[in-house]
Amino acid sequence: MLEFLTVLGLVVLLVVAVIVTTVWLVLRRIRRSRLVAVGTQAVADGLLALTAFRLRPTPHRGAALRGLRISREHRLLRDRVAAAQCSGAYLGDIPALLPRLEAEGRRLRAALGRLVGSPAAGHDLLAQADRHLAMLAELTEAVGDAASAPAADDALAREAEEAALGLRLHTAAYTELMAADSSPRTVRRPLAGAS
């Protein structure tokens, strides 16, 4: 009987461990999903927008507006980088730099959110936000310029040009061959007196 209870306890422990591990993995995957990240970003931006556009006077309302601008500039930069990567443009280290820039932007937005409504002076924080916005605008412009430049690798265009040239050469050779076959052949008959 003791053996049976031991085996039953181990099976129950194993089932509980599997259930807990599965729940933990599912929750971790949900927390890391793109939908949750976008939803969290939308809620944070919504709270900043509500704070910025309150009817009653609020100290540091400009901090909330800067937080919203930082969020918008990051979104614009991400979209431009994705479009440039799809077009095959060379972007250098910018795609690798994006996660660090976004982490800095989240830190600034959180600090700006705490600054809104507080009587503390945040001139240094506002200056940091302005520098971050200027850097984002410069990067966005550079990525836009890189995306509008012609792609350095035009192998597909070269292959299409070679295929068209090959087709033209084949058509010309076929036409020449068919013209030679259809031309009236003159049969030379030996002259009656010559032999």
Protein backbone atom coordinates (compact mmCIF):
# COMPACT_ATOMS: atom_id res chain seq x y z
CA MET A 1 0.00 0.00 0.00
CA LEU A 2 2.87 2.36 0.80
CA GLU A 3 4.41 1.72 -2.61
CA PHE A 4 1.14 2.51 -4.32
CA LEU A 5 0.81 5.80 -2.44
CA THR A 6 4.43 6.69 -3.27
CA VAL A 7 3.88 6.02 -6.98
CA LEU A 8 0.60 7.95 -6.89
CA GLY A 9 2.30 10.88 -5.14
CA LEU A 10 5.08 10.94 -7.74
CA VAL A 11 2.54 10.86 -10.61
CA VAL A 12 0.56 13.71 -9.03
CA LEU A 13 3.79 15.66 -8.48
CA LEU A 14 4.79 15.08 -12.11
CA VAL A 15 1.37 16.20 -13.39
CA VAL A 16 1.48 19.33 -11.23
CA ALA A 17 5.01 20.11 -12.43
CA VAL A 18 3.95 19.74 -16.07
CA ILE A 19 0.89 21.95 -15.55
CA VAL A 20 2.89 24.64 -13.72
CA THR A 21 5.63 24.60 -16.38
CA THR A 22 3.07 24.83 -19.19
CA VAL A 23 1.26 27.72 -17.54
CA TRP A 24 4.56 29.50 -16.91
CA LEU A 25 5.66 29.07 -20.56
CA VAL A 26 2.29 30.26 -21.87
CA LEU A 27 2.30 33.33 -19.63
CA ARG A 28 5.87 34.12 -20.61
CA ARG A 29 5.01 33.84 -24.28
CA ILE A 30 1.94 36.06 -23.85
CA ARG A 31 3.96 38.69 -21.99
CA ARG A 32 6.55 38.74 -24.77
CA SER A 33 4.03 38.78 -27.61
CA ARG A 34 3.83 41.70 -30.00
CA LEU A 35 0.16 42.26 -29.18
CA VAL A 36 0.86 42.77 -25.48
CA ALA A 37 3.75 45.11 -26.27
CA VAL A 38 1.59 47.19 -28.61
CA GLY A 39 -1.26 47.21 -26.09
CA THR A 40 1.03 48.32 -23.27
CA GLN A 41 2.45 51.06 -25.50
CA ALA A 42 -1.07 52.22 -26.44
CA VAL A 43 -2.17 52.37 -22.81
CA ALA A 44 0.96 54.34 -21.82
CA ASP A 45 0.45 56.77 -24.71
CA GLY A 46 -3.24 57.11 -23.83
CA LEU A 47 -2.43 57.99 -20.23
CA LEU A 48 0.11 60.57 -21.38
CA ALA A 49 -2.42 62.03 -23.83
CA LEU A 50 -5.09 62.27 -21.12
CA THR A 51 -2.62 64.00 -18.86
CA ALA A 52 -1.48 66.39 -21.58
CA PHE A 53 -4.99 67.42 -22.61
CA ARG A 54 -6.57 67.84 -19.17
CA LEU A 55 -8.82 70.85 -18.81
CA ARG A 56 -7.39 71.97 -15.52
CA PRO A 57 -3.89 73.45 -15.47
CA THR A 58 -1.20 70.86 -14.93
CA PRO A 59 2.47 71.53 -14.19
CA HIS A 60 4.83 70.24 -16.87
CA ARG A 61 2.17 69.56 -19.49
CA GLY A 62 4.97 69.86 -22.04
CA ALA A 63 6.58 66.75 -20.53
CA ALA A 64 3.53 64.69 -21.51
CA LEU A 65 3.62 66.13 -25.01
CA ARG A 66 7.32 65.27 -25.32
CA GLY A 67 6.56 61.73 -24.17
CA LEU A 68 3.93 61.39 -26.90
CA ARG A 69 6.33 62.79 -29.51
CA ILE A 70 9.03 60.32 -28.44
CA SER A 71 6.57 57.46 -28.84
CA ARG A 72 5.49 58.69 -32.28
CA GLU A 73 9.09 59.20 -33.48
CA HIS A 74 10.06 55.69 -32.38
CA ARG A 75 7.10 54.24 -34.26
CA LEU A 76 8.01 56.24 -37.36
CA LEU A 77 11.66 55.14 -37.16
CA ARG A 78 10.65 51.47 -36.78
CA ASP A 79 8.35 51.73 -39.82
CA ARG A 80 11.05 53.42 -41.93
CA VAL A 81 13.66 50.83 -40.95
CA ALA A 82 11.28 47.98 -41.83
CA ALA A 83 10.47 49.56 -45.20
CA ALA A 84 14.16 50.19 -45.94
CA GLN A 85 15.06 46.61 -45.04
CA CYS A 86 12.33 45.32 -47.35
CA SER A 87 13.71 47.42 -50.20
CA GLY A 88 17.22 46.07 -49.58
CA ALA A 89 18.76 49.41 -48.59
CA TYR A 90 21.99 49.45 -46.60
CA LEU A 91 21.29 50.70 -43.07
CA GLY A 92 24.57 50.03 -41.32
CA ASP A 93 24.22 49.59 -37.55
CA ILE A 94 20.83 51.25 -37.22
CA PRO A 95 18.75 48.03 -36.97
CA ALA A 96 21.06 46.77 -34.22
CA LEU A 97 20.82 50.13 -32.46
CA LEU A 98 16.99 50.19 -32.41
CA PRO A 99 16.46 48.12 -29.23
CA ARG A 100 18.81 50.37 -27.24
CA LEU A 101 17.12 53.49 -28.62
CA GLU A 102 13.68 52.14 -27.73
CA ALA A 103 14.82 51.25 -24.22
CA GLU A 104 16.12 54.79 -23.76
CA GLY A 105 12.84 56.15 -25.14
CA ARG A 106 10.81 54.03 -22.70
CA ARG A 107 12.96 55.26 -19.81
CA LEU A 108 12.48 58.88 -20.89
CA ARG A 109 8.72 58.43 -21.36
CA ALA A 110 8.38 56.91 -17.90
CA ALA A 111 10.39 59.74 -16.34
CA LEU A 112 8.38 62.34 -18.26
CA GLY A 113 5.15 60.67 -17.09
CA ARG A 114 6.32 60.97 -13.49
CA LEU A 115 7.28 64.60 -14.06
CA VAL A 116 3.78 65.55 -15.26
CA GLY A 117 1.78 66.92 -12.38
CA SER A 118 4.73 67.17 -10.03
CA PRO A 119 5.96 70.58 -8.90
CA ALA A 120 9.62 69.52 -9.23
CA ALA A 121 11.68 71.24 -11.86
CA GLY A 122 12.68 68.86 -14.63
CA HIS A 123 14.73 71.06 -16.94
CA ASP A 124 17.46 68.45 -17.31
CA LEU A 125 14.93 65.73 -18.15
CA LEU A 126 13.20 67.97 -20.70
CA ALA A 127 16.58 68.74 -22.30
CA GLN A 128 17.35 65.00 -22.48
CA ALA A 129 13.99 64.40 -24.14
CA ASP A 130 14.65 67.17 -26.67
CA ARG A 131 18.08 65.69 -27.51
CA HIS A 132 16.52 62.25 -27.91
CA LEU A 133 13.84 63.66 -30.22
CA ALA A 134 16.48 65.43 -32.33
CA MET A 135 18.51 62.22 -32.59
CA LEU A 136 15.40 60.24 -33.62
CA ALA A 137 14.51 62.81 -36.26
CA GLU A 138 18.04 62.69 -37.67
CA LEU A 139 18.05 58.88 -37.79
CA THR A 140 14.61 58.78 -39.40
CA GLU A 141 15.77 61.20 -42.09
CA ALA A 142 18.94 59.17 -42.71
CA VAL A 143 16.96 55.93 -43.02
CA GLY A 144 14.51 57.64 -45.39
CA ASP A 145 17.42 58.83 -47.55
CA ALA A 146 18.94 55.33 -47.56
CA ALA A 147 15.62 53.80 -48.58
CA SER A 148 15.16 56.23 -51.45
CA ALA A 149 18.65 55.54 -52.83
CA PRO A 150 18.79 52.94 -55.59
CA ALA A 151 19.67 49.48 -54.38
CA ALA A 152 23.34 48.60 -54.74
CA ASP A 153 22.62 45.05 -55.85
CA ASP A 154 20.71 45.03 -59.10
CA ALA A 155 21.35 41.37 -59.91
CA LEU A 156 17.72 40.78 -60.85
CA ALA A 157 17.77 43.62 -63.39
CA ARG A 158 21.03 42.28 -64.82
CA GLU A 159 19.59 38.75 -65.10
CA ALA A 160 16.47 40.07 -66.83
CA GLU A 161 18.61 42.05 -69.27
CA GLU A 162 20.71 38.97 -70.06
CA ALA A 163 17.59 36.86 -70.54
CA ALA A 164 16.13 39.44 -72.94
CA LEU A 165 19.39 39.57 -74.90
CA GLY A 166 19.49 35.77 -75.12
CA LEU A 167 15.90 35.71 -76.40
CA ARG A 168 16.70 38.34 -79.04
CA LEU A 169 19.76 36.39 -80.21
CA HIS A 170 17.77 33.17 -80.41
CA THR A 171 14.98 34.86 -82.35
CA ALA A 172 17.46 36.45 -84.79
CA ALA A 173 19.24 33.12 -85.35
CA TYR A 174 15.94 31.30 -85.89
CA THR A 175 14.71 33.96 -88.30
CA GLU A 176 17.97 33.79 -90.24
CA LEU A 177 17.81 30.00 -90.39
CA MET A 178 14.21 30.01 -91.58
CA ALA A 179 14.96 32.67 -94.17
CA ALA A 180 17.80 30.56 -95.58
CA ASP A 181 15.54 27.49 -95.83
CA SER A 182 12.69 29.28 -97.57
CA SER A 183 14.76 31.15 -100.15
CA PRO A 184 14.37 29.79 -103.69
CA ARG A 185 17.25 27.60 -104.47
CA THR A 186 18.75 27.87 -107.82
CA VAL A 187 19.65 24.56 -109.17
CA ARG A 188 22.55 24.67 -111.49
CA ARG A 189 22.12 22.52 -114.47
CA PRO A 190 25.05 21.57 -116.41
CA LEU A 191 25.15 23.18 -119.80
CA ALA A 192 24.32 20.90 -122.64
CA GLY A 193 27.63 21.39 -124.35
CA ALA A 194 29.81 21.03 -121.31
CA SER A 195 30.73 17.67 -119.98
